[in-house]
């Protein structure tokens, strides 16, 4: 998987298009046959993706630092790592 367009991304609510906030180019759109409300909800979630990925990576690293030797990963940590891998195209 190639590298994604770095965030932050912004949502142009007038068109449900995700825009690279640095150069202003459209990077994702929601022109589908789905209801407008669903397209808007999808666009909001997509625009939050870079922030969500960064937050999960930071939380995962903190969990690693705080885990006692020999202590297993919690289910939440496993889920976070799986989501990180999926977001990076590694699973």
N, C-alpha and C. Protein backbone atom coordinates (compact mmCIF):
# COMPACT_ATOMS: atom_id res chain seq x y z
N UNK A 1 0.84 -1.18 0.00
CA UNK A 1 0.00 0.00 0.00
C UNK A 1 0.89 1.24 0.00
N UNK A 2 0.54 2.19 -0.81
CA UNK A 2 1.31 3.43 -0.84
C UNK A 2 0.95 4.29 0.37
N UNK A 3 1.77 5.26 0.62
CA UNK A 3 1.53 6.16 1.74
C UNK A 3 0.27 6.98 1.48
N UNK A 4 -0.49 7.23 2.54
CA UNK A 4 -1.69 8.05 2.39
C UNK A 4 -1.32 9.53 2.41
N UNK A 5 -2.24 10.35 1.95
CA UNK A 5 -2.05 11.79 2.00
C UNK A 5 -2.01 12.20 3.46
N UNK A 6 -0.96 12.89 3.90
CA UNK A 6 -0.88 13.24 5.32
C UNK A 6 -2.00 14.19 5.73
N UNK A 7 -2.46 14.02 6.96
CA UNK A 7 -3.47 14.92 7.50
C UNK A 7 -2.80 16.22 7.92
N UNK A 8 -3.51 17.14 8.47
CA UNK A 8 -4.95 16.99 8.71
C UNK A 8 -5.76 17.14 7.43
N UNK A 9 -6.87 16.43 7.42
CA UNK A 9 -7.81 16.54 6.34
C UNK A 9 -8.99 17.35 6.82
N UNK A 10 -9.67 18.01 5.92
CA UNK A 10 -10.86 18.75 6.31
C UNK A 10 -12.02 18.30 5.44
N UNK A 11 -13.19 18.46 5.97
CA UNK A 11 -14.41 18.08 5.28
C UNK A 11 -15.07 19.33 4.73
N UNK A 12 -15.27 19.36 3.42
CA UNK A 12 -16.03 20.45 2.81
C UNK A 12 -17.49 20.03 2.90
N UNK A 13 -18.17 20.54 3.89
CA UNK A 13 -19.53 20.08 4.17
C UNK A 13 -20.51 20.42 3.07
N UNK A 14 -20.19 21.40 2.25
CA UNK A 14 -21.09 21.75 1.16
C UNK A 14 -21.15 20.65 0.10
N UNK A 15 -20.11 19.79 0.06
CA UNK A 15 -20.08 18.77 -0.98
C UNK A 15 -19.71 17.39 -0.47
N UNK A 16 -19.51 17.24 0.84
CA UNK A 16 -19.08 15.96 1.42
C UNK A 16 -17.81 15.44 0.77
N UNK A 17 -16.87 16.33 0.50
CA UNK A 17 -15.59 15.98 -0.09
C UNK A 17 -14.51 16.19 0.96
N UNK A 18 -13.57 15.24 1.03
CA UNK A 18 -12.46 15.36 1.95
C UNK A 18 -11.32 16.06 1.21
N UNK A 19 -10.73 17.07 1.86
CA UNK A 19 -9.72 17.91 1.21
C UNK A 19 -8.44 17.88 2.03
N UNK A 20 -7.32 17.80 1.34
CA UNK A 20 -6.01 17.95 1.97
C UNK A 20 -5.91 19.39 2.43
N UNK A 21 -5.77 19.61 3.72
CA UNK A 21 -5.82 20.97 4.26
C UNK A 21 -4.60 21.80 3.89
N UNK A 22 -3.52 21.18 3.45
CA UNK A 22 -2.31 21.91 3.11
C UNK A 22 -2.41 22.50 1.70
N UNK A 23 -2.76 21.67 0.73
CA UNK A 23 -2.80 22.15 -0.65
C UNK A 23 -4.21 22.36 -1.18
N UNK A 24 -5.21 21.88 -0.44
CA UNK A 24 -6.60 22.12 -0.81
C UNK A 24 -7.17 21.21 -1.88
N UNK A 25 -6.44 20.16 -2.25
CA UNK A 25 -6.94 19.24 -3.26
C UNK A 25 -7.88 18.20 -2.66
N UNK A 26 -8.87 17.82 -3.44
CA UNK A 26 -9.79 16.77 -3.03
C UNK A 26 -9.04 15.44 -2.98
N UNK A 27 -9.22 14.68 -1.90
CA UNK A 27 -8.57 13.38 -1.79
C UNK A 27 -9.58 12.25 -1.67
N UNK A 28 -10.82 12.56 -1.35
CA UNK A 28 -11.86 11.54 -1.28
C UNK A 28 -13.20 12.21 -1.43
N UNK A 29 -14.10 11.51 -2.05
CA UNK A 29 -15.44 12.06 -2.23
C UNK A 29 -16.49 11.06 -1.84
N UNK A 30 -17.70 11.51 -1.80
CA UNK A 30 -18.79 10.64 -1.38
C UNK A 30 -19.92 10.69 -2.39
N UNK A 31 -19.58 10.67 -3.63
CA UNK A 31 -20.61 10.67 -4.67
C UNK A 31 -21.09 9.24 -4.88
N UNK A 32 -22.05 8.86 -4.11
CA UNK A 32 -22.62 7.52 -4.20
C UNK A 32 -24.13 7.65 -4.30
N UNK A 33 -24.78 6.52 -4.41
CA UNK A 33 -26.24 6.51 -4.46
C UNK A 33 -26.83 6.37 -3.06
N UNK A 34 -26.02 6.55 -2.06
CA UNK A 34 -26.49 6.45 -0.68
C UNK A 34 -27.17 7.76 -0.29
N UNK A 35 -27.99 7.72 0.77
CA UNK A 35 -28.64 8.96 1.23
C UNK A 35 -27.61 10.02 1.62
N UNK A 36 -27.96 11.27 1.45
CA UNK A 36 -27.07 12.39 1.75
C UNK A 36 -26.57 12.32 3.19
N UNK A 37 -27.43 11.97 4.13
CA UNK A 37 -27.03 11.91 5.54
C UNK A 37 -25.96 10.84 5.76
N UNK A 38 -26.10 9.72 5.06
CA UNK A 38 -25.12 8.64 5.19
C UNK A 38 -23.79 9.06 4.57
N UNK A 39 -23.84 9.71 3.41
CA UNK A 39 -22.62 10.23 2.79
C UNK A 39 -21.92 11.20 3.72
N UNK A 40 -22.67 12.07 4.36
CA UNK A 40 -22.08 13.05 5.27
C UNK A 40 -21.43 12.35 6.46
N UNK A 41 -22.10 11.35 7.01
CA UNK A 41 -21.53 10.61 8.15
C UNK A 41 -20.25 9.89 7.73
N UNK A 42 -20.25 9.30 6.55
CA UNK A 42 -19.04 8.62 6.04
C UNK A 42 -17.91 9.62 5.86
N UNK A 43 -18.21 10.78 5.31
CA UNK A 43 -17.19 11.80 5.08
C UNK A 43 -16.59 12.29 6.40
N UNK A 44 -17.42 12.46 7.41
CA UNK A 44 -16.93 12.88 8.73
C UNK A 44 -15.97 11.84 9.29
N UNK A 45 -16.35 10.57 9.19
CA UNK A 45 -15.49 9.50 9.69
C UNK A 45 -14.18 9.44 8.92
N UNK A 46 -14.25 9.54 7.60
CA UNK A 46 -13.04 9.51 6.78
C UNK A 46 -12.12 10.67 7.12
N UNK A 47 -12.68 11.86 7.31
CA UNK A 47 -11.84 13.02 7.61
C UNK A 47 -11.15 12.90 8.96
N UNK A 48 -11.72 12.11 9.87
CA UNK A 48 -11.11 11.91 11.19
C UNK A 48 -10.05 10.80 11.19
N UNK A 49 -9.96 10.03 10.10
CA UNK A 49 -9.08 8.86 10.06
C UNK A 49 -7.62 9.16 10.43
N UNK A 50 -6.96 10.19 9.91
CA UNK A 50 -5.57 10.42 10.30
C UNK A 50 -5.41 10.67 11.80
N UNK A 51 -6.35 11.41 12.38
CA UNK A 51 -6.29 11.70 13.82
C UNK A 51 -6.54 10.43 14.63
N UNK A 52 -7.48 9.60 14.18
CA UNK A 52 -7.77 8.34 14.88
C UNK A 52 -6.57 7.40 14.84
N UNK A 53 -5.92 7.31 13.68
CA UNK A 53 -4.74 6.45 13.55
C UNK A 53 -3.62 6.94 14.48
N UNK A 54 -3.37 8.23 14.48
CA UNK A 54 -2.32 8.77 15.35
C UNK A 54 -2.63 8.51 16.82
N UNK A 55 -3.87 8.68 17.22
CA UNK A 55 -4.26 8.45 18.61
C UNK A 55 -4.07 6.98 18.99
N UNK A 56 -4.46 6.07 18.11
CA UNK A 56 -4.28 4.64 18.40
C UNK A 56 -2.80 4.28 18.50
N UNK A 57 -1.99 4.84 17.62
CA UNK A 57 -0.55 4.56 17.67
C UNK A 57 0.05 5.06 18.98
N UNK A 58 -0.36 6.24 19.41
CA UNK A 58 0.17 6.79 20.67
C UNK A 58 -0.28 5.97 21.87
N UNK A 59 -1.56 5.57 21.88
CA UNK A 59 -2.07 4.75 22.97
C UNK A 59 -1.40 3.38 23.01
N UNK A 60 -1.19 2.80 21.84
CA UNK A 60 -0.53 1.50 21.76
C UNK A 60 0.89 1.58 22.31
N UNK A 61 1.61 2.63 21.93
CA UNK A 61 2.98 2.82 22.43
C UNK A 61 2.98 3.01 23.95
N UNK A 62 2.02 3.75 24.45
CA UNK A 62 1.94 3.96 25.90
C UNK A 62 1.64 2.65 26.62
N UNK A 63 0.76 1.84 26.07
CA UNK A 63 0.46 0.54 26.66
C UNK A 63 1.71 -0.32 26.72
N UNK A 64 2.51 -0.29 25.64
CA UNK A 64 3.76 -1.05 25.61
C UNK A 64 4.69 -0.62 26.74
N UNK A 65 4.80 0.69 26.93
CA UNK A 65 5.69 1.21 27.98
C UNK A 65 5.20 0.85 29.38
N UNK A 66 3.90 0.79 29.57
CA UNK A 66 3.33 0.59 30.90
C UNK A 66 3.12 -0.89 31.26
N UNK A 67 3.15 -1.78 30.29
CA UNK A 67 2.90 -3.19 30.55
C UNK A 67 4.05 -3.78 31.35
N UNK A 68 3.71 -4.51 32.39
CA UNK A 68 4.71 -5.17 33.22
C UNK A 68 5.30 -6.34 32.44
N UNK A 69 6.57 -6.67 32.68
CA UNK A 69 7.17 -7.81 31.99
C UNK A 69 6.34 -9.08 32.20
N UNK A 70 6.07 -9.77 31.11
CA UNK A 70 5.30 -11.01 31.19
C UNK A 70 3.79 -10.82 31.18
N UNK A 71 3.34 -9.58 31.33
CA UNK A 71 1.90 -9.32 31.33
C UNK A 71 1.38 -9.39 29.89
N UNK A 72 0.31 -10.14 29.67
CA UNK A 72 -0.22 -10.24 28.31
C UNK A 72 -0.93 -8.96 27.88
N UNK A 73 -1.07 -8.79 26.57
CA UNK A 73 -1.81 -7.65 26.04
C UNK A 73 -3.29 -7.84 26.32
N UNK A 74 -3.96 -6.75 26.61
CA UNK A 74 -5.40 -6.80 26.80
C UNK A 74 -6.09 -6.96 25.45
N UNK A 75 -7.37 -7.34 25.48
CA UNK A 75 -8.14 -7.43 24.25
C UNK A 75 -8.22 -6.08 23.55
N UNK A 76 -8.31 -5.00 24.34
CA UNK A 76 -8.37 -3.65 23.76
C UNK A 76 -7.07 -3.33 23.03
N UNK A 77 -5.93 -3.71 23.60
CA UNK A 77 -4.65 -3.47 22.92
C UNK A 77 -4.56 -4.27 21.63
N UNK A 78 -5.01 -5.50 21.66
CA UNK A 78 -4.99 -6.34 20.46
C UNK A 78 -5.88 -5.73 19.37
N UNK A 79 -7.05 -5.23 19.78
CA UNK A 79 -7.97 -4.60 18.82
C UNK A 79 -7.35 -3.33 18.24
N UNK A 80 -6.68 -2.54 19.08
CA UNK A 80 -6.03 -1.32 18.61
C UNK A 80 -4.93 -1.65 17.60
N UNK A 81 -4.12 -2.66 17.90
CA UNK A 81 -3.05 -3.05 16.97
C UNK A 81 -3.61 -3.57 15.65
N UNK A 82 -4.71 -4.31 15.73
CA UNK A 82 -5.34 -4.81 14.51
C UNK A 82 -5.87 -3.65 13.66
N UNK A 83 -6.45 -2.65 14.31
CA UNK A 83 -6.97 -1.48 13.58
C UNK A 83 -5.82 -0.69 12.95
N UNK A 84 -4.72 -0.55 13.66
CA UNK A 84 -3.55 0.14 13.13
C UNK A 84 -3.03 -0.60 11.89
N UNK A 85 -2.91 -1.90 12.00
CA UNK A 85 -2.43 -2.71 10.86
C UNK A 85 -3.36 -2.58 9.66
N UNK A 86 -4.66 -2.61 9.92
CA UNK A 86 -5.62 -2.49 8.84
C UNK A 86 -5.52 -1.12 8.16
N UNK A 87 -5.38 -0.08 8.97
CA UNK A 87 -5.26 1.28 8.42
C UNK A 87 -4.01 1.45 7.58
N UNK A 88 -2.98 0.69 7.90
CA UNK A 88 -1.71 0.77 7.16
C UNK A 88 -1.61 -0.25 6.05
N UNK A 89 -2.71 -1.01 5.82
CA UNK A 89 -2.73 -1.99 4.74
C UNK A 89 -1.88 -3.22 5.03
N UNK A 90 -1.68 -3.51 6.30
CA UNK A 90 -0.83 -4.62 6.69
C UNK A 90 -1.62 -5.87 7.07
N UNK A 91 -2.91 -5.82 6.92
CA UNK A 91 -3.70 -7.03 7.24
C UNK A 91 -4.80 -7.22 6.25
